Structure formats: C-alpha cells, structure tokens
PDB file of N, CA and C in Angstrom:
ATOM      1  N   UNK A   1     117.271 124.507  90.697  1.00  0.00           N
ATOM      2  CA  UNK A   1     117.769 123.465  91.580  1.00  0.00           C
ATOM      3  C   UNK A   1     116.979 122.189  91.301  1.00  0.00           C
ATOM      4  N   UNK A   2     117.693 121.099  91.066  1.00  0.00           N
ATOM      5  CA  UNK A   2     117.018 119.833  90.810  1.00  0.00           C
ATOM      6  C   UNK A   2     116.490 119.248  92.117  1.00  0.00           C
ATOM      7  N   UNK A   3     115.633 118.279  91.990  1.00  0.00           N
ATOM      8  CA  UNK A   3     115.082 117.640  93.184  1.00  0.00           C
ATOM      9  C   UNK A   3     116.178 116.912  93.968  1.00  0.00           C
ATOM     10  N   UNK A   4     117.184 116.378  93.248  1.00  0.00           N
ATOM     11  CA  UNK A   4     118.303 115.723  93.921  1.00  0.00           C
ATOM     12  C   UNK A   4     119.106 116.720  94.749  1.00  0.00           C
ATOM     13  N   UNK A   5     119.326 117.904  94.192  1.00  0.00           N
ATOM     14  CA  UNK A   5     120.050 118.939  94.933  1.00  0.00           C
ATOM     15  C   UNK A   5     119.264 119.377  96.161  1.00  0.00           C
ATOM     16  N   UNK A   6     117.955 119.518  96.011  1.00  0.00           N
ATOM     17  CA  UNK A   6     117.114 119.920  97.148  1.00  0.00           C
ATOM     18  C   UNK A   6     117.141 118.846  98.234  1.00  0.00           C
ATOM     19  N   UNK A   7     117.096 117.582  97.828  1.00  0.00           N
ATOM     20  CA  UNK A   7     117.139 116.484  98.800  1.00  0.00           C
ATOM     21  C   UNK A   7     118.470 116.471  99.533  1.00  0.00           C
ATOM     22  N   UNK A   8     119.556 116.626  98.793  1.00  0.00           N
ATOM     23  CA  UNK A   8     120.880 116.643  99.412  1.00  0.00           C
ATOM     24  C   UNK A   8     121.023 117.796 100.404  1.00  0.00           C
ATOM     25  N   UNK A   9     120.494 118.954 100.038  1.00  0.00           N
ATOM     26  CA  UNK A   9     120.575 120.114 100.922  1.00  0.00           C
ATOM     27  C   UNK A   9     119.760 119.882 102.190  1.00  0.00           C
ATOM     28  N   UNK A  10     118.570 119.315 102.047  1.00  0.00           N
ATOM     29  CA  UNK A  10     117.727 119.036 103.211  1.00  0.00           C
ATOM     30  C   UNK A  10     118.385 117.982 104.097  1.00  0.00           C
ATOM     31  N   UNK A  11     118.997 116.998 103.501  1.00  0.00           N
ATOM     32  CA  UNK A  11     119.661 115.953 104.263  1.00  0.00           C
ATOM     33  C   UNK A  11     120.866 116.515 105.018  1.00  0.00           C
ATOM     34  N   UNK A  12     121.614 117.393 104.373  1.00  0.00           N
ATOM     35  CA  UNK A  12     122.795 117.987 105.001  1.00  0.00           C
ATOM     36  C   UNK A  12     122.401 118.886 106.170  1.00  0.00           C
ATOM     37  N   UNK A  13     121.223 119.503 106.099  1.00  0.00           N
ATOM     38  CA  UNK A  13     120.768 120.412 107.153  1.00  0.00           C
ATOM     39  C   UNK A  13     120.092 119.687 108.312  1.00  0.00           C
ATOM     40  N   UNK A  14     119.803 118.405 108.147  1.00  0.00           N
ATOM     41  CA  UNK A  14     119.088 117.665 109.183  1.00  0.00           C
ATOM     42  C   UNK A  14     119.953 117.534 110.441  1.00  0.00           C
ATOM     43  N   UNK A  15     119.381 117.868 111.578  1.00  0.00           N
ATOM     44  CA  UNK A  15     120.097 117.808 112.849  1.00  0.00           C
ATOM     45  C   UNK A  15     119.578 116.620 113.650  1.00  0.00           C
ATOM     46  N   UNK A  16     120.401 115.613 113.812  1.00  0.00           N
ATOM     47  CA  UNK A  16     119.979 114.439 114.575  1.00  0.00           C
ATOM     48  C   UNK A  16     120.681 114.368 115.929  1.00  0.00           C
ATOM     49  N   UNK A  17     121.150 115.494 116.419  1.00  0.00           N
ATOM     50  CA  UNK A  17     121.854 115.492 117.702  1.00  0.00           C
ATOM     51  C   UNK A  17     120.932 115.150 118.863  1.00  0.00           C
ATOM     52  N   UNK A  18     119.620 115.354 118.697  1.00  0.00           N
ATOM     53  CA  UNK A  18     118.674 115.036 119.772  1.00  0.00           C
ATOM     54  C   UNK A  18     118.150 113.617 119.716  1.00  0.00           C
ATOM     55  N   UNK A  19     118.598 112.825 118.756  1.00  0.00           N
ATOM     56  CA  UNK A  19     118.110 111.451 118.611  1.00  0.00           C
ATOM     57  C   UNK A  19     118.850 110.538 119.573  1.00  0.00           C
ATOM     58  N   UNK A  20     118.086 109.744 120.326  1.00  0.00           N
ATOM     59  CA  UNK A  20     118.684 108.788 121.269  1.00  0.00           C
ATOM     60  C   UNK A  20     119.203 107.596 120.480  1.00  0.00           C
ATOM     61  N   UNK A  21     120.497 107.388 120.493  1.00  0.00           N
ATOM     62  CA  UNK A  21     121.108 106.302 119.724  1.00  0.00           C
ATOM     63  C   UNK A  21     121.487 105.112 120.585  1.00  0.00           C
ATOM     64  N   UNK A  22     121.055 105.115 121.851  1.00  0.00           N
ATOM     65  CA  UNK A  22     121.388 104.003 122.738  1.00  0.00           C
ATOM     66  C   UNK A  22     120.477 102.820 122.447  1.00  0.00           C
ATOM     67  N   UNK A  23     120.913 101.646 122.834  1.00  0.00           N
ATOM     68  CA  UNK A  23     120.113 100.443 122.628  1.00  0.00           C
ATOM     69  C   UNK A  23     119.419 100.009 123.908  1.00  0.00           C
ATOM     70  N   UNK A  24     119.584 100.778 124.976  1.00  0.00           N
ATOM     71  CA  UNK A  24     118.917 100.458 126.229  1.00  0.00           C
ATOM     72  C   UNK A  24     117.410 100.556 126.045  1.00  0.00           C
ATOM     73  N   UNK A  25     116.715  99.560 126.536  1.00  0.00           N
ATOM     74  CA  UNK A  25     115.266  99.594 126.479  1.00  0.00           C
ATOM     75  C   UNK A  25     114.665  99.057 125.200  1.00  0.00           C
ATOM     76  N   UNK A  26     115.492  98.571 124.280  1.00  0.00           N
ATOM     77  CA  UNK A  26     114.931  97.964 123.080  1.00  0.00           C
ATOM     78  C   UNK A  26     114.269  96.642 123.439  1.00  0.00           C
ATOM     79  N   UNK A  27     113.127  96.395 122.857  1.00  0.00           N
ATOM     80  CA  UNK A  27     112.389  95.165 123.128  1.00  0.00           C
ATOM     81  C   UNK A  27     112.838  94.075 122.177  1.00  0.00           C
ATOM     82  N   UNK A  28     113.294  92.970 122.721  1.00  0.00           N
ATOM     83  CA  UNK A  28     113.667  91.815 121.918  1.00  0.00           C
ATOM     84  C   UNK A  28     112.764  90.656 122.317  1.00  0.00           C
ATOM     85  N   UNK A  29     111.857  90.252 121.441  1.00  0.00           N
ATOM     86  CA  UNK A  29     110.936  89.170 121.795  1.00  0.00           C
ATOM     87  C   UNK A  29     111.686  87.882 122.114  1.00  0.00           C
ATOM     88  N   UNK A  30     111.187  87.138 123.077  1.00  0.00           N
ATOM     89  CA  UNK A  30     111.817  85.858 123.394  1.00  0.00           C
ATOM     90  C   UNK A  30     111.538  84.891 122.263  1.00  0.00           C
ATOM     91  N   UNK A  31     112.468  84.013 122.013  1.00  0.00           N
ATOM     92  CA  UNK A  31     112.306  83.030 120.941  1.00  0.00           C
ATOM     93  C   UNK A  31     112.649  83.579 119.573  1.00  0.00           C
ATOM     94  N   UNK A  32     113.136  84.791 119.518  1.00  0.00           N
ATOM     95  CA  UNK A  32     113.497  85.356 118.224  1.00  0.00           C
ATOM     96  C   UNK A  32     115.005  85.252 118.036  1.00  0.00           C
ATOM     97  N   UNK A  33     115.430  85.432 116.829  1.00  0.00           N
ATOM     98  CA  UNK A  33     116.855  85.426 116.553  1.00  0.00           C
ATOM     99  C   UNK A  33     117.374  84.044 116.219  1.00  0.00           C
ATOM    100  N   UNK A  34     118.668  83.916 116.268  1.00  0.00           N
ATOM    101  CA  UNK A  34     119.312  82.675 115.846  1.00  0.00           C
ATOM    102  C   UNK A  34     118.973  81.511 116.761  1.00  0.00           C
ATOM    103  N   UNK A  35     118.670  81.760 118.025  1.00  0.00           N
ATOM    104  CA  UNK A  35     118.338  80.680 118.945  1.00  0.00           C
ATOM    105  C   UNK A  35     117.108  79.904 118.524  1.00  0.00           C
ATOM    106  N   UNK A  36     116.208  80.530 117.779  1.00  0.00           N
ATOM    107  CA  UNK A  36     114.982  79.862 117.347  1.00  0.00           C
ATOM    108  C   UNK A  36     115.266  78.712 116.395  1.00  0.00           C
ATOM    109  N   UNK A  37     116.335  78.830 115.622  1.00  0.00           N
ATOM    110  CA  UNK A  37     116.632  77.791 114.640  1.00  0.00           C
ATOM    111  C   UNK A  37     117.029  76.479 115.303  1.00  0.00           C
ATOM    112  N   UNK A  38     117.445  76.529 116.549  1.00  0.00           N
ATOM    113  CA  UNK A  38     117.809  75.311 117.253  1.00  0.00           C
ATOM    114  C   UNK A  38     116.601  74.620 117.878  1.00  0.00           C
ATOM    115  N   UNK A  39     115.460  75.297 117.894  1.00  0.00           N
ATOM    116  CA  UNK A  39     114.244  74.752 118.494  1.00  0.00           C
ATOM    117  C   UNK A  39     113.643  73.716 117.542  1.00  0.00           C
ATOM    118  N   UNK A  40     113.518  72.456 117.981  1.00  0.00           N
ATOM    119  CA  UNK A  40     112.996  71.408 117.091  1.00  0.00           C
ATOM    120  C   UNK A  40     111.571  71.696 116.615  1.00  0.00           C
ATOM    121  N   UNK A  41     110.726  72.274 117.460  1.00  0.00           N
ATOM    122  CA  UNK A  41     109.356  72.580 117.052  1.00  0.00           C
ATOM    123  C   UNK A  41     109.347  73.648 115.951  1.00  0.00           C
ATOM    124  N   UNK A  42     110.223  74.631 116.091  1.00  0.00           N
ATOM    125  CA  UNK A  42     110.324  75.677 115.078  1.00  0.00           C
ATOM    126  C   UNK A  42     110.767  75.073 113.744  1.00  0.00           C
ATOM    127  N   UNK A  43     111.779  74.227 113.798  1.00  0.00           N
ATOM    128  CA  UNK A  43     112.284  73.589 112.572  1.00  0.00           C
ATOM    129  C   UNK A  43     111.204  72.744 111.905  1.00  0.00           C
ATOM    130  N   UNK A  44     110.440  72.000 112.701  1.00  0.00           N
ATOM    131  CA  UNK A  44     109.366  71.167 112.147  1.00  0.00           C
ATOM    132  C   UNK A  44     108.285  72.026 111.501  1.00  0.00           C
ATOM    133  N   UNK A  45     107.953  73.141 112.146  1.00  0.00           N
ATOM    134  CA  UNK A  45     106.939  74.031 111.587  1.00  0.00           C
ATOM    135  C   UNK A  45     107.406  74.617 110.260  1.00  0.00           C
ATOM    136  N   UNK A  46     108.663  75.017 110.193  1.00  0.00           N
ATOM    137  CA  UNK A  46     109.208  75.576 108.944  1.00  0.00           C
ATOM    138  C   UNK A  46     109.223  74.517 107.849  1.00  0.00           C
ATOM    139  N   UNK A  47     109.673  73.324 108.179  1.00  0.00           N
ATOM    140  CA  UNK A  47     109.693  72.246 107.182  1.00  0.00           C
ATOM    141  C   UNK A  47     108.290  71.912 106.690  1.00  0.00           C
ATOM    142  N   UNK A  48     107.319  71.922 107.590  1.00  0.00           N
ATOM    143  CA  UNK A  48     105.938  71.629 107.200  1.00  0.00           C
ATOM    144  C   UNK A  48     105.423  72.703 106.232  1.00  0.00           C
ATOM    145  N   UNK A  49     105.713  73.961 106.512  1.00  0.00           N
ATOM    146  CA  UNK A  49     105.284  75.043 105.626  1.00  0.00           C
ATOM    147  C   UNK A  49     105.950  74.926 104.264  1.00  0.00           C
ATOM    148  N   UNK A  50     107.246  74.631 104.251  1.00  0.00           N
ATOM    149  CA  UNK A  50     107.974  74.493 102.981  1.00  0.00           C
ATOM    150  C   UNK A  50     107.411  73.338 102.167  1.00  0.00           C
ATOM    151  N   UNK A  51     107.138  72.221 102.813  1.00  0.00           N
ATOM    152  CA  UNK A  51     106.587  71.063 102.101  1.00  0.00           C
ATOM    153  C   UNK A  51     105.205  71.369 101.537  1.00  0.00           C
ATOM    154  N   UNK A  52     104.369  72.085 102.303  1.00  0.00           N
ATOM    155  CA  UNK A  52     103.036  72.454 101.810  1.00  0.00           C
ATOM    156  C   UNK A  52     103.134  73.360 100.595  1.00  0.00           C
ATOM    157  N   UNK A  53     104.002  74.352 100.661  1.00  0.00           N
ATOM    158  CA  UNK A  53     104.159  75.285  99.540  1.00  0.00           C
ATOM    159  C   UNK A  53     104.719  74.575  98.310  1.00  0.00           C
ATOM    160  N   UNK A  54     105.659  73.655  98.522  1.00  0.00           N
ATOM    161  CA  UNK A  54     106.230  72.912  97.403  1.00  0.00           C
ATOM    162  C   UNK A  54     105.165  72.045  96.738  1.00  0.00           C
ATOM    163  N   UNK A  55     104.326  71.418  97.548  1.00  0.00           N
ATOM    164  CA  UNK A  55     103.245  70.593  97.007  1.00  0.00           C
ATOM    165  C   UNK A  55     102.257  71.450  96.216  1.00  0.00           C
ATOM    166  N   UNK A  56     101.889  72.626  96.749  1.00  0.00           N
ATOM    167  CA  UNK A  56     100.982  73.530  96.033  1.00  0.00           C
ATOM    168  C   UNK A  56     101.581  73.976  94.708  1.00  0.00           C
ATOM    169  N   UNK A  57     102.865  74.310  94.725  1.00  0.00           N
ATOM    170  CA  UNK A  57     103.526  74.757  93.500  1.00  0.00           C
ATOM    171  C   UNK A  57     103.598  73.636  92.472  1.00  0.00           C
ATOM    172  N   UNK A  58     103.865  72.423  92.927  1.00  0.00           N
ATOM    173  CA  UNK A  58     103.926  71.278  92.020  1.00  0.00           C
ATOM    174  C   UNK A  58     102.561  71.037  91.383  1.00  0.00           C
ATOM    175  N   UNK A  59     101.491  71.127  92.183  1.00  0.00           N
ATOM    176  CA  UNK A  59     100.139  70.939  91.649  1.00  0.00           C
ATOM    177  C   UNK A  59      99.792  72.041  90.646  1.00  0.00           C
ATOM    178  N   UNK A  60     100.172  73.279  90.969  1.00  0.00           N
ATOM    179  CA  UNK A  60      99.882  74.393  90.080  1.00  0.00           C
ATOM    180  C   UNK A  60     100.590  74.227  88.744  1.00  0.00           C
ATOM    181  N   UNK A  61     101.831  73.803  88.792  1.00  0.00           N
ATOM    182  CA  UNK A  61     102.580  73.625  87.545  1.00  0.00           C
ATOM    183  C   UNK A  61     102.029  72.461  86.733  1.00  0.00           C
ATOM    184  N   UNK A  62     101.596  71.399  87.392  1.00  0.00           N
ATOM    185  CA  UNK A  62     101.011  70.262  86.676  1.00  0.00           C
ATOM    186  C   UNK A  62      99.715  70.686  85.989  1.00  0.00           C
ATOM    187  N   UNK A  63      98.913  71.516  86.669  1.00  0.00           N
ATOM    188  CA  UNK A  63      97.667  71.985  86.080  1.00  0.00           C
ATOM    189  C   UNK A  63      97.950  72.860  84.870  1.00  0.00           C
ATOM    190  N   UNK A  64      98.941  73.749  84.975  1.00  0.00           N
ATOM    191  CA  UNK A  64      99.275  74.629  83.854  1.00  0.00           C
ATOM    192  C   UNK A  64      99.792  73.834  82.667  1.00  0.00           C
ATOM    193  N   UNK A  65     100.568  72.797  82.939  1.00  0.00           N
ATOM    194  CA  UNK A  65     101.115  71.980  81.847  1.00  0.00           C
ATOM    195  C   UNK A  65      99.977  71.311  81.069  1.00  0.00           C
ATOM    196  N   UNK A  66      98.940  70.868  81.782  1.00  0.00           N
ATOM    197  CA  UNK A  66      97.825  70.181  81.131  1.00  0.00           C
ATOM    198  C   UNK A  66      96.862  71.108  80.431  1.00  0.00           C
ATOM    199  N   UNK A  67      96.937  72.401  80.684  1.00  0.00           N
ATOM    200  CA  UNK A  67      95.973  73.330  80.093  1.00  0.00           C
ATOM    201  C   UNK A  67      96.587  74.210  79.009  1.00  0.00           C
ATOM    202  N   UNK A  68      97.775  73.881  78.536  1.00  0.00           N
ATOM    203  CA  UNK A  68      98.409  74.690  77.503  1.00  0.00           C
ATOM    204  C   UNK A  68      97.720  74.499  76.162  1.00  0.00           C
ATOM    205  N   UNK A  69      97.594  75.575  75.430  1.00  0.00           N
ATOM    206  CA  UNK A  69      96.970  75.530  74.111  1.00  0.00           C
ATOM    207  C   UNK A  69      98.016  75.946  73.084  1.00  0.00           C
ATOM    208  N   UNK A  70      98.154  75.139  72.065  1.00  0.00           N
ATOM    209  CA  UNK A  70      99.127  75.427  71.022  1.00  0.00           C
ATOM    210  C   UNK A  70      98.454  75.894  69.770  1.00  0.00           C
TER     211      UNK A  70
END
C-alpha cells in the first residue's frame, strides 16, 4: 500500500460528526475586515509602510547597481 493509499483510507475513515460546525461564539476583532479599509488612519498607516518599503528597496537596488563587478 502506498502512502497515498494509506492517507486516503485514513481520511475516508475520519469521523467528524462530533465537530461543532456552527459559527456562534466566533471571535471577530473590532476594526478587522473590509471596514478597516475605509478608516483614514488605517489607510495612512498602510501608505506610510508602503512608501518606506519602496524607499528601502530603491536604495538597495541603487547600492547593488554601484557594486557590480564585471
């Protein structure tokens, strides 16, 4: 029996009838989800992070360009 066959057999035998599939009681943090994108402070923070990373990447590429050896 291959490992794939053993996995398939174990998966087929798995009994999930006792698993609670309800969504009651799930914790959803406030400020999460699509509503956060409308928050101006959130948008500013994301833009600031993107600009910082872009600047770092630009500096890194400029340094690599100047240090190439042919």
